[in-house]
């Protein structure tokens, strides 16, 4: 399931843009439908449309009505999908691909062999469960409309309704099972599991052939026909998983979507940027791992997605790869500090550049926009206190200094996860710098971090509440004080190996 971004208030301009986006893709879908359905009739299209034009007109009206309902669903339930052209394109691309695959598989094999769970699996992974349920209904009805009014690929009325029921049921089951899937390979298991309800529905719907005595597949006995159709059902379930696994990585890359599967791959130790961070800036890497652990605990405490918080925290400081030696955590204690020879203004400029640098680096590596946003927002517009204080000491007059020259460029955190990482980042550094690992000490340090950011209005552009901040503070205290927990002191013992065995004695 993908992370949801907040992009501000919906206005009239957004409405106009969303209508144009939807209208364009509606026209494209209708063109795709016409191209597929009428490809074999082009040589005698005029005579064919005179005979079947009314049915195609009904189908056109039904498809337009279905897509109109689809627009209003997203308008009222998930405007963020309509806000961006690429997100609208993504939803329609899934629908277009499903129709084309369903038509040709149904034409060449059987309607029961269609990848009926494909839309549900794709939309669930790329968006969320609610949108997946709705789009599963839309895709099932779309194919049913085409089958019914255009003649489609089915050979009997029974198959029209069989296809609709199977598409709806199998898609819904796949969506509910998909929430338990943590790896791409587990989707294969879902494809196999949905075979059972598909085949059960096929068997029950094909029972009518037992009473009529006529098999649905010419040349076979009734039972042979039922078994063949159940085999097609097996193919449809497995094909749903195979098509999903084949297409999802392309959608993740093209539309830059953050799915559970991609998330796990990007947070592994073999991920490109994390591997670089570990090798080139080990101090920053260890700091990021700690901030990720803290952010995960804070996200759980306030009901945010802990996986997204942890992943974004791992990448929040990748901008330091440009100048790793200029950051304290990467300097060996006692070594020469590069900032000793630099002016406070230049030092502040180098330090604050890691926020914008991280944003650019994440985008160049085609990582999710969510990571880039957190990287550039996790310091907000805070002043870089150390170098501002150093400049004040060197300055003849305080009025000569502009604090903005020593501040991060922003923007301020726009989401709760960005705010969490801002707090966790500073809290980890403050507690470590003060060695404040006792609960009372950690409480004071973390409270000071949060209050400073509130005084500087760093949370004014996100919807985090005082209740959230209190829960975050408690989670940070609990997690950070657990880092330096007490251990039993082991007594010194000297071991000796003798002929009778190993023996020990106190030193």
Protein backbone atom coordinates (compact mmCIF):
# COMPACT_ATOMS: atom_id res chain seq x y z
CA UNK A 1 0.00 0.00 0.00
CA UNK A 2 1.34 3.42 -0.96
CA UNK A 3 1.91 6.38 1.29
CA UNK A 4 -0.58 9.20 1.05
CA UNK A 5 0.73 12.75 0.65
CA UNK A 6 -1.01 15.94 1.70
CA UNK A 7 -0.82 18.66 -0.96
CA UNK A 8 -2.89 21.52 0.42
CA UNK A 9 -6.48 22.68 -0.06
CA UNK A 10 -8.55 21.69 -3.08
CA UNK A 11 -9.59 24.67 -5.21
CA UNK A 12 -11.40 25.47 -8.45
CA UNK A 13 -8.21 25.17 -10.48
CA UNK A 14 -7.72 21.64 -9.15
CA UNK A 15 -11.29 20.77 -10.16
CA UNK A 16 -10.80 22.00 -13.73
CA UNK A 17 -7.47 20.18 -14.05
CA UNK A 18 -8.92 16.95 -12.67
CA UNK A 19 -11.85 17.07 -15.12
CA UNK A 20 -9.47 17.60 -18.05
CA UNK A 21 -7.20 14.77 -16.87
CA UNK A 22 -10.15 12.42 -16.48
CA UNK A 23 -11.74 13.43 -19.78
CA UNK A 24 -8.50 12.81 -21.66
CA UNK A 25 -8.09 9.34 -20.19
CA UNK A 26 -11.78 8.56 -20.75
CA UNK A 27 -11.28 9.27 -24.45
CA UNK A 28 -8.12 7.14 -24.50
CA UNK A 29 -9.96 4.24 -22.82
CA UNK A 30 -12.84 4.45 -25.30
CA UNK A 31 -10.36 4.47 -28.20
CA UNK A 32 -8.64 1.39 -26.73
CA UNK A 33 -12.01 -0.36 -26.34
CA UNK A 34 -12.99 0.47 -29.91
CA UNK A 35 -9.61 -0.60 -31.32
CA UNK A 36 -9.74 -3.97 -29.57
CA UNK A 37 -13.40 -4.73 -30.22
CA UNK A 38 -13.55 -3.60 -33.84
CA UNK A 39 -10.10 -4.67 -35.04
CA UNK A 40 -11.47 -7.68 -36.93
CA UNK A 41 -14.40 -5.76 -38.41
CA UNK A 42 -12.58 -2.91 -40.14
CA UNK A 43 -12.94 -4.41 -43.62
CA UNK A 44 -16.74 -4.20 -43.40
CA UNK A 45 -17.14 -1.70 -40.57
CA UNK A 46 -20.10 0.14 -42.13
CA UNK A 47 -22.27 -2.95 -42.54
CA UNK A 48 -21.17 -4.26 -39.12
CA UNK A 49 -22.12 -1.01 -37.33
CA UNK A 50 -25.51 -0.88 -39.08
CA UNK A 51 -26.26 -4.28 -37.63
CA UNK A 52 -24.67 -3.84 -34.18
CA UNK A 53 -24.46 -0.06 -33.76
CA UNK A 54 -27.25 0.13 -31.16
CA UNK A 55 -25.50 -2.38 -28.90
CA UNK A 56 -22.21 -0.49 -29.13
CA UNK A 57 -24.02 2.78 -28.38
CA UNK A 58 -25.50 1.20 -25.23
CA UNK A 59 -22.02 0.00 -24.29
CA UNK A 60 -20.59 3.49 -24.85
CA UNK A 61 -23.23 5.14 -22.64
CA UNK A 62 -22.71 2.52 -19.93
CA UNK A 63 -18.91 2.94 -19.96
CA UNK A 64 -19.21 6.76 -19.79
CA UNK A 65 -21.65 6.45 -16.87
CA UNK A 66 -19.29 4.06 -15.08
CA UNK A 67 -16.32 6.41 -15.54
CA UNK A 68 -18.40 9.38 -14.38
CA UNK A 69 -19.19 7.51 -11.16
CA UNK A 70 -15.50 6.69 -10.89
CA UNK A 71 -14.61 10.42 -11.12
CA UNK A 72 -17.06 11.39 -8.39
CA UNK A 73 -15.80 8.58 -6.18
CA UNK A 74 -12.26 9.96 -6.27
CA UNK A 75 -13.54 13.55 -5.96
CA UNK A 76 -15.27 12.75 -2.68
CA UNK A 77 -13.06 9.97 -1.31
CA UNK A 78 -9.49 10.60 -2.52
CA UNK A 79 -8.88 13.94 -4.22
CA UNK A 80 -5.12 13.39 -4.13
CA UNK A 81 -5.46 10.85 -6.97
CA UNK A 82 -7.12 13.53 -9.13
CA UNK A 83 -4.62 16.25 -8.27
CA UNK A 84 -1.74 14.84 -10.34
CA UNK A 85 -1.90 13.82 -13.98
CA UNK A 86 0.48 10.90 -13.41
CA UNK A 87 -1.77 9.46 -10.67
CA UNK A 88 -4.84 9.60 -12.92
CA UNK A 89 -2.73 8.04 -15.67
CA UNK A 90 -1.67 5.28 -13.28
CA UNK A 91 -5.27 4.33 -12.40
CA UNK A 92 -6.40 4.31 -16.04
CA UNK A 93 -3.29 2.41 -17.14
CA UNK A 94 -4.22 -0.40 -14.73
CA UNK A 95 -7.78 -0.40 -16.10
CA UNK A 96 -6.66 -0.32 -19.75
CA UNK A 97 -4.17 -3.12 -19.23
CA UNK A 98 -6.74 -5.27 -17.44
CA UNK A 99 -9.30 -4.84 -20.23
CA UNK A 100 -6.82 -5.71 -22.99
CA UNK A 101 -5.51 -8.76 -21.11
CA UNK A 102 -9.04 -9.91 -20.22
CA UNK A 103 -10.32 -9.56 -23.76
CA UNK A 104 -7.54 -11.47 -25.48
CA UNK A 105 -7.20 -14.17 -22.80
CA UNK A 106 -10.98 -14.61 -22.87
CA UNK A 107 -10.93 -14.78 -26.66
CA UNK A 108 -8.03 -17.23 -26.94
CA UNK A 109 -8.72 -19.40 -23.89
CA UNK A 110 -11.80 -18.82 -21.75
CA UNK A 111 -13.49 -16.10 -19.72
CA UNK A 112 -12.57 -18.15 -16.65
CA UNK A 113 -8.86 -17.74 -17.48
CA UNK A 114 -8.94 -13.96 -17.13
CA UNK A 115 -6.56 -12.35 -14.54
CA UNK A 116 -9.53 -11.34 -12.43
CA UNK A 117 -7.55 -10.26 -9.33
CA UNK A 118 -5.10 -8.07 -11.23
CA UNK A 119 -6.81 -4.70 -10.71
CA UNK A 120 -7.44 -5.30 -7.02
CA UNK A 121 -3.82 -6.32 -6.38
CA UNK A 122 -2.38 -3.42 -8.37
CA UNK A 123 -4.52 -0.64 -6.91
CA UNK A 124 -4.12 -1.99 -3.37
CA UNK A 125 -0.32 -1.96 -3.73
CA UNK A 126 -0.15 1.41 -5.50
CA UNK A 127 -2.83 3.21 -3.49
CA UNK A 128 -4.94 1.76 -0.65
CA UNK A 129 -7.56 -0.85 0.20
CA UNK A 130 -10.61 1.41 -0.22
CA UNK A 131 -9.58 2.48 -3.72
CA UNK A 132 -8.72 -1.12 -4.59
CA UNK A 133 -12.19 -2.34 -3.59
CA UNK A 134 -13.86 0.35 -5.69
CA UNK A 135 -11.64 -0.18 -8.73
CA UNK A 136 -12.19 -3.95 -8.50
CA UNK A 137 -15.94 -3.29 -8.84
CA UNK A 138 -15.34 -0.87 -11.75
CA UNK A 139 -13.12 -3.33 -13.63
CA UNK A 140 -15.58 -6.20 -13.16
CA UNK A 141 -18.47 -4.05 -14.41
CA UNK A 142 -16.43 -2.69 -17.33
CA UNK A 143 -15.69 -6.14 -18.73
CA UNK A 144 -19.30 -7.21 -18.02
CA UNK A 145 -20.62 -4.21 -19.99
CA UNK A 146 -18.38 -5.01 -22.95
CA UNK A 147 -19.33 -8.70 -22.85
CA UNK A 148 -23.05 -7.92 -22.64
CA UNK A 149 -23.54 -5.09 -25.12
CA UNK A 150 -20.78 -5.66 -27.65
CA UNK A 151 -20.98 -9.43 -27.84
CA UNK A 152 -17.49 -9.63 -26.31
CA UNK A 153 -15.85 -13.02 -26.34
CA UNK A 154 -18.43 -15.08 -24.46
CA UNK A 155 -20.63 -17.69 -26.04
CA UNK A 156 -23.55 -17.85 -23.58
CA UNK A 157 -25.51 -15.64 -21.21
CA UNK A 158 -24.39 -17.92 -18.38
CA UNK A 159 -20.77 -16.95 -19.04
CA UNK A 160 -21.61 -13.23 -18.87
CA UNK A 161 -22.75 -13.53 -15.28
CA UNK A 162 -20.16 -16.14 -14.36
CA UNK A 163 -17.39 -13.79 -15.45
CA UNK A 164 -18.87 -10.89 -13.45
CA UNK A 165 -19.28 -12.89 -10.23
CA UNK A 166 -15.81 -14.43 -10.49
CA UNK A 167 -14.13 -11.09 -11.22
CA UNK A 168 -15.82 -9.40 -8.28
CA UNK A 169 -15.35 -12.25 -5.77
CA UNK A 170 -11.77 -13.20 -6.63
CA UNK A 171 -10.68 -9.56 -6.70
CA UNK A 172 -12.18 -8.88 -3.27
CA UNK A 173 -10.57 -11.97 -1.74
CA UNK A 174 -7.19 -11.02 -3.23
CA UNK A 175 -7.45 -7.50 -1.77
CA UNK A 176 -8.14 -8.81 1.73
CA UNK A 177 -5.34 -11.38 1.50
CA UNK A 178 -2.88 -8.84 0.08
CA UNK A 179 -2.71 -6.94 3.37
CA UNK A 180 -0.78 -9.91 4.80
CA UNK A 181 1.72 -10.03 1.93
CA UNK A 182 5.16 -8.66 2.84
CA UNK A 183 7.21 -9.92 -0.12
CA UNK A 184 6.59 -10.11 -3.86
CA UNK A 185 6.85 -13.90 -3.83
CA UNK A 186 3.98 -14.13 -1.32
CA UNK A 187 1.68 -12.77 -4.04
CA UNK A 188 2.12 -16.09 -5.85
CA UNK A 189 0.57 -17.73 -2.80
CA UNK A 190 -2.38 -15.33 -3.04
CA UNK A 191 -2.79 -16.24 -6.71
CA UNK A 192 -2.96 -19.90 -5.74
CA UNK A 193 -5.35 -19.26 -2.84
CA UNK A 194 -7.88 -17.37 -4.95
CA UNK A 195 -8.02 -20.37 -7.29
CA UNK A 196 -10.18 -22.18 -4.76
CA UNK A 197 -13.06 -19.65 -4.69
CA UNK A 198 -12.74 -19.19 -8.47
CA UNK A 199 -13.04 -22.92 -9.09
CA UNK A 200 -15.84 -23.27 -6.57
CA UNK A 201 -17.81 -20.55 -8.38
CA UNK A 202 -17.01 -22.13 -11.76
CA UNK A 203 -18.18 -25.52 -10.51
CA UNK A 204 -21.43 -24.16 -9.06
CA UNK A 205 -22.21 -22.04 -12.11
CA UNK A 206 -21.43 -24.89 -14.50
CA UNK A 207 -23.75 -27.29 -12.66
CA UNK A 208 -26.56 -26.11 -14.90
CA UNK A 209 -24.90 -28.04 -17.71
CA UNK A 210 -25.54 -31.25 -15.78
CA UNK A 211 -29.28 -30.67 -16.04
CA UNK A 212 -29.23 -29.58 -19.64
CA UNK A 213 -26.90 -32.41 -20.62
CA UNK A 214 -25.01 -30.12 -22.97
CA UNK A 215 -21.39 -29.32 -22.16
CA UNK A 216 -20.26 -25.70 -22.35
CA UNK A 217 -17.26 -26.83 -24.42
CA UNK A 218 -18.19 -28.64 -27.63
CA UNK A 219 -16.82 -32.14 -28.08
CA UNK A 220 -16.43 -32.86 -24.36
CA UNK A 221 -18.64 -34.62 -21.88
CA UNK A 222 -20.35 -32.54 -19.20
CA UNK A 223 -17.83 -33.48 -16.50
CA UNK A 224 -14.89 -33.00 -18.83
CA UNK A 225 -16.21 -29.52 -19.63
CA UNK A 226 -16.50 -28.67 -15.94
CA UNK A 227 -12.96 -29.87 -15.21
CA UNK A 228 -11.55 -27.93 -18.16
CA UNK A 229 -13.28 -24.75 -17.02
CA UNK A 230 -11.94 -25.27 -13.49
CA UNK A 231 -8.50 -25.62 -15.05
CA UNK A 232 -9.01 -22.27 -16.73
CA UNK A 233 -9.96 -20.90 -13.30
CA UNK A 234 -6.62 -22.16 -11.96
CA UNK A 235 -4.87 -20.41 -14.84
CA UNK A 236 -6.75 -17.17 -14.13
CA UNK A 237 -5.75 -17.11 -10.45
CA UNK A 238 -2.09 -17.81 -11.15
CA UNK A 239 -2.06 -15.43 -14.14
CA UNK A 240 -3.35 -12.64 -11.86
CA UNK A 241 -0.28 -13.05 -9.65
CA UNK A 242 2.16 -13.42 -12.58
CA UNK A 243 0.83 -10.35 -14.40
CA UNK A 244 0.90 -8.38 -11.15
CA UNK A 245 4.51 -9.35 -10.39
CA UNK A 246 5.55 -8.52 -13.96
CA UNK A 247 3.86 -5.14 -14.21
CA UNK A 248 4.15 -3.75 -10.66
CA UNK A 249 7.91 -2.91 -10.84
CA UNK A 250 7.25 -0.92 -14.03
CA UNK A 251 4.46 1.05 -12.35
CA UNK A 252 6.62 1.62 -9.26
CA UNK A 253 9.37 3.08 -11.45
CA UNK A 254 7.28 5.02 -13.98
CA UNK A 255 4.91 6.56 -11.40
CA UNK A 256 7.46 6.60 -8.55
CA UNK A 257 5.10 4.87 -6.13
CA UNK A 258 6.17 3.59 -2.74
CA UNK A 259 4.75 0.10 -2.15
CA UNK A 260 5.34 -2.29 0.73
CA UNK A 261 7.52 -4.47 -1.50
CA UNK A 262 9.61 -1.59 -2.80
CA UNK A 263 9.89 -0.20 0.72
CA UNK A 264 11.50 -3.36 2.02
CA UNK A 265 13.94 -3.44 -0.88
CA UNK A 266 14.94 0.20 -0.39
CA UNK A 267 15.58 -0.22 3.35
CA UNK A 268 17.82 -3.25 3.02
CA UNK A 269 21.54 -2.85 3.68
CA UNK A 270 22.18 -3.47 -0.03
CA UNK A 271 20.19 -0.42 -1.15
CA UNK A 272 22.46 1.81 -3.25
CA UNK A 273 22.38 5.06 -1.24
CA UNK A 274 22.35 3.32 2.15
CA UNK A 275 25.36 1.26 1.10
CA UNK A 276 27.17 4.45 0.10
CA UNK A 277 26.22 6.08 3.38
CA UNK A 278 27.57 3.13 5.35
CA UNK A 279 30.90 3.20 3.49
CA UNK A 280 31.48 6.94 3.03
CA UNK A 281 29.76 8.39 6.12
CA UNK A 282 29.58 5.64 8.77
CA UNK A 283 28.76 8.07 11.57
CA UNK A 284 25.82 9.49 9.62
CA UNK A 285 24.67 5.97 8.76
CA UNK A 286 24.65 4.89 12.42
CA UNK A 287 22.85 8.11 13.37
CA UNK A 288 20.25 7.46 10.64
CA UNK A 289 19.66 3.91 11.85
CA UNK A 290 19.03 5.22 15.36
CA UNK A 291 16.71 7.97 14.10
CA UNK A 292 14.85 5.33 12.07
CA UNK A 293 14.29 3.26 15.21
CA UNK A 294 13.07 6.33 17.12
CA UNK A 295 10.82 7.47 14.26
CA UNK A 296 9.26 4.04 14.03
CA UNK A 297 8.41 4.10 17.75
CA UNK A 298 6.97 7.63 17.50
CA UNK A 299 4.87 6.77 14.43
CA UNK A 300 3.40 3.77 16.23
CA UNK A 301 2.61 5.98 19.23
CA UNK A 302 0.48 8.43 17.21
CA UNK A 303 -0.99 5.99 14.68
CA UNK A 304 1.12 6.90 11.64
CA UNK A 305 2.61 4.30 9.29
CA UNK A 306 5.72 3.06 11.10
CA UNK A 307 7.25 1.46 7.98
CA UNK A 308 7.16 4.74 6.07
CA UNK A 309 8.57 6.69 9.02
CA UNK A 310 11.43 4.22 9.44
CA UNK A 311 12.27 4.23 5.72
CA UNK A 312 12.19 8.02 5.36
CA UNK A 313 14.40 8.38 8.46
CA UNK A 314 17.03 6.09 6.95
CA UNK A 315 17.32 8.47 3.98
CA UNK A 316 16.84 11.82 5.72
CA UNK A 317 20.58 12.64 5.88
CA UNK A 318 21.84 11.23 2.57
CA UNK A 319 22.65 14.78 1.50
CA UNK A 320 25.67 14.60 3.82
CA UNK A 321 27.33 12.33 1.25
CA UNK A 322 28.43 15.48 -0.59
CA UNK A 323 30.67 16.57 2.33
CA UNK A 324 30.70 13.77 4.93
CA UNK A 325 33.92 15.00 6.57
CA UNK A 326 32.26 18.32 7.52
CA UNK A 327 29.82 16.63 9.92
CA UNK A 328 30.85 15.85 13.48
CA UNK A 329 29.58 12.27 13.54
CA UNK A 330 31.97 11.35 10.73
CA UNK A 331 35.02 12.97 12.33
CA UNK A 332 37.35 10.85 14.47
CA UNK A 333 37.68 12.28 17.96
CA UNK A 334 40.83 14.37 18.26
CA UNK A 335 41.19 14.84 14.50
CA UNK A 336 41.43 18.20 12.79
CA UNK A 337 38.03 19.90 12.39
CA UNK A 338 37.64 21.40 8.92
CA UNK A 339 35.34 24.11 10.24
CA UNK A 340 38.17 25.60 12.35
CA UNK A 341 39.54 27.25 9.21
CA UNK A 342 36.21 28.33 7.74
CA UNK A 343 34.10 31.39 8.40
CA UNK A 344 30.84 30.76 10.31
CA UNK A 345 28.87 31.83 7.22
CA UNK A 346 30.61 29.30 4.96
CA UNK A 347 30.32 26.53 7.57
CA UNK A 348 26.60 27.21 7.98
CA UNK A 349 26.15 27.15 4.20
CA UNK A 350 27.89 23.73 3.95
CA UNK A 351 25.87 22.29 6.83
CA UNK A 352 22.47 23.47 5.61
CA UNK A 353 23.16 22.37 2.04
CA UNK A 354 22.66 18.73 3.05
CA UNK A 355 18.88 19.23 3.19
CA UNK A 356 18.56 20.46 -0.41
CA UNK A 357 21.37 18.11 -1.47
CA UNK A 358 19.51 15.14 -0.03
CA UNK A 359 16.34 16.17 -1.89
CA UNK A 360 18.22 16.32 -5.21
CA UNK A 361 20.14 13.08 -4.59
CA UNK A 362 16.98 11.16 -3.77
CA UNK A 363 15.27 12.45 -6.90
CA UNK A 364 18.27 11.59 -9.09
CA UNK A 365 18.12 8.02 -7.80
CA UNK A 366 14.38 7.82 -8.63
CA UNK A 367 13.41 7.17 -5.02
CA UNK A 368 9.93 8.11 -3.80
CA UNK A 369 9.07 11.80 -3.57
CA UNK A 370 8.07 11.19 0.04
CA UNK A 371 11.72 10.51 0.95
CA UNK A 372 12.89 13.66 -0.84
CA UNK A 373 10.24 15.78 0.93
CA UNK A 374 11.32 14.50 4.36
CA UNK A 375 14.99 15.09 3.54
CA UNK A 376 14.41 18.76 2.70
CA UNK A 377 11.89 19.37 5.52
CA UNK A 378 13.51 17.67 8.52
CA UNK A 379 15.32 20.85 9.60
CA UNK A 380 12.58 23.22 8.52
CA UNK A 381 13.77 26.83 8.83
CA UNK A 382 15.71 26.30 12.06
CA UNK A 383 18.84 28.36 12.72
CA UNK A 384 22.14 26.47 12.84
CA UNK A 385 22.81 27.39 16.43
CA UNK A 386 26.51 26.52 16.71
CA UNK A 387 27.71 28.66 13.81
CA UNK A 388 25.28 31.49 14.57
CA UNK A 389 26.70 31.65 18.10
CA UNK A 390 30.24 31.54 16.67
CA UNK A 391 29.41 34.41 14.32
CA UNK A 392 27.97 36.44 17.21
CA UNK A 393 31.25 36.10 19.09
CA UNK A 394 33.27 37.24 16.08
CA UNK A 395 30.94 40.07 15.12
CA UNK A 396 31.49 43.62 16.35
CA UNK A 397 27.78 44.28 16.31
CA UNK A 398 24.90 41.82 16.61
CA UNK A 399 22.83 43.95 14.25
CA UNK A 400 25.21 43.16 11.40
CA UNK A 401 24.13 39.52 11.41
CA UNK A 402 21.05 38.23 9.63
CA UNK A 403 19.87 35.04 11.32
CA UNK A 404 18.44 33.81 8.02
CA UNK A 405 22.01 33.53 6.72
CA UNK A 406 22.55 30.89 9.40
CA UNK A 407 19.20 29.10 9.00
CA UNK A 408 17.99 26.18 6.93
CA UNK A 409 16.02 27.14 3.85
CA UNK A 410 12.94 25.03 4.57
CA UNK A 411 10.20 24.28 3.91
CA UNK A 412 8.87 23.40 7.34
CA UNK A 413 7.49 19.87 7.89
CA UNK A 414 4.35 19.32 5.83
CA UNK A 415 3.34 15.94 7.31
CA UNK A 416 3.35 14.28 10.70
CA UNK A 417 6.06 11.87 9.59
CA UNK A 418 8.35 14.77 8.62
CA UNK A 419 7.69 16.38 12.01
CA UNK A 420 8.47 13.09 13.77
CA UNK A 421 11.80 12.80 11.98
CA UNK A 422 12.66 16.44 12.74
CA UNK A 423 12.13 15.76 16.47
CA UNK A 424 13.77 12.32 16.50
CA UNK A 425 16.81 13.63 14.61
CA UNK A 426 17.43 16.43 17.14
CA UNK A 427 16.47 14.34 20.18
CA UNK A 428 18.97 11.60 19.33
CA UNK A 429 21.75 14.15 18.89
CA UNK A 430 20.84 16.08 22.07
CA UNK A 431 20.64 13.01 24.31
CA UNK A 432 23.91 11.63 22.91
CA UNK A 433 25.72 14.98 23.24
CA UNK A 434 24.58 15.41 26.86
CA UNK A 435 24.92 11.71 27.70
CA UNK A 436 21.40 12.10 29.08
CA UNK A 437 20.34 8.47 29.15
CA UNK A 438 18.61 8.56 32.53
CA UNK A 439 14.83 9.03 32.16
CA UNK A 440 14.76 12.44 33.88
CA UNK A 441 17.71 13.72 31.87
CA UNK A 442 16.32 12.40 28.58
CA UNK A 443 12.92 13.92 29.40
CA UNK A 444 14.45 17.38 29.87
CA UNK A 445 16.55 17.18 26.72
CA UNK A 446 13.68 15.98 24.53
CA UNK A 447 11.22 18.48 26.00
CA UNK A 448 13.70 21.25 25.22
CA UNK A 449 14.00 20.05 21.61
CA UNK A 450 10.22 20.03 21.10
CA UNK A 451 9.64 23.37 22.83
CA UNK A 452 12.35 25.08 20.77
CA UNK A 453 10.71 23.91 17.54
CA UNK A 454 7.30 25.04 18.77
CA UNK A 455 8.69 28.47 19.69
CA UNK A 456 10.14 28.76 16.18
CA UNK A 457 6.78 27.65 14.67
CA UNK A 458 8.26 24.65 12.87
CA UNK A 459 5.00 22.67 13.13
CA UNK A 460 2.73 25.43 11.79
CA UNK A 461 2.32 23.82 8.34
CA UNK A 462 1.47 20.25 9.38
CA UNK A 463 -1.48 18.84 11.31
CA UNK A 464 0.44 17.52 14.33
CA UNK A 465 -1.28 18.19 17.69
CA UNK A 466 -0.15 18.73 21.27
CA UNK A 467 -1.45 15.27 22.09
CA UNK A 468 0.74 13.86 19.31
CA UNK A 469 3.77 15.75 20.59
CA UNK A 470 3.23 14.43 24.11
CA UNK A 471 3.02 10.86 22.83
CA UNK A 472 6.15 11.41 20.71
CA UNK A 473 8.06 12.71 23.74
CA UNK A 474 7.10 9.68 25.83
CA UNK A 475 8.06 7.30 23.02
CA UNK A 476 11.45 8.97 22.61
CA UNK A 477 12.21 8.87 26.32
CA UNK A 478 11.28 5.20 26.52
CA UNK A 479 13.32 4.24 23.45
CA UNK A 480 16.42 6.35 24.14
CA UNK A 481 16.73 5.34 27.80
CA UNK A 482 16.53 1.73 26.67
CA UNK A 483 19.70 2.21 24.62
CA UNK A 484 21.90 2.58 27.72
CA UNK A 485 20.16 0.08 30.00
CA UNK A 486 21.95 -1.39 32.98
CA UNK A 487 23.77 -4.68 32.61
CA UNK A 488 25.05 -7.14 35.20
CA UNK A 489 28.77 -6.66 35.79
CA UNK A 490 30.50 -9.94 35.09
CA UNK A 491 33.19 -10.97 37.63
CA UNK A 492 36.68 -11.58 36.17
CA UNK A 493 37.42 -15.30 35.86
CA UNK A 494 40.54 -16.97 34.48
CA UNK A 495 39.89 -20.28 32.70
CA UNK A 496 42.35 -23.15 32.61
CA UNK A 497 42.23 -26.33 30.61
CA UNK A 498 43.30 -29.41 32.62
CA UNK A 499 43.28 -33.13 31.96
CA UNK A 500 40.00 -33.45 33.83
CA UNK A 501 38.40 -30.57 31.91
CA UNK A 502 38.09 -26.77 31.91
CA UNK A 503 38.21 -25.05 35.31
CA UNK A 504 37.91 -21.44 36.34
CA UNK A 505 39.27 -19.34 39.18
CA UNK A 506 38.75 -15.73 40.26
CA UNK A 507 41.44 -13.31 39.13
